[in-house]
């Protein structure tokens, strides 16, 4: 009976955010893995051949005209796709370049006012990863005197890269 109460208390006071949503994206050859967790903050990890390369890294953006973006978020939509094609560079030693990756695009939104949205597009290749933020035009309504503002001023990209060891 004491064990049951202890487990119940541990569950209640656990720091785990039950509202966190995780998505895992792997490279076409399955050697690389990108895991993103959205909740209290946006965290990600990168694995290569079963070894964690980046861990507990955080996404975030700080603008001069708006509050910090990167806390208390939810995934409102996600979409996966695979691309496998080639392209021809203008210069370089290769006539064709292989463009083969898996992509995850997630729409995240703040849980509380001002409920801004951002898309994060993540690509995992066999030999690397890439990500980008896509900020919609609707952000202009969150800016003071938005009629006079034609662009956001990014003060700091708060994205961290926490390597698990000396790579």
Foldseek 3Di string as FASTA:
>chain_A
DVVVVVVVVCVVPPPDDPQKDKDKFAAPVRQKIKIWIDAQFIFIWIGGNRHTFFGRWGWWFPFPFAHIPTGGKHWPDKDKDWDWDWDADPDDDDRIDTDTWIKMKTWMFHPDPPGAIKIKIKIDHNVDIDIDIDHDPVCLVSGVVSVPDDDIGTPDGRTDTHTPDDD
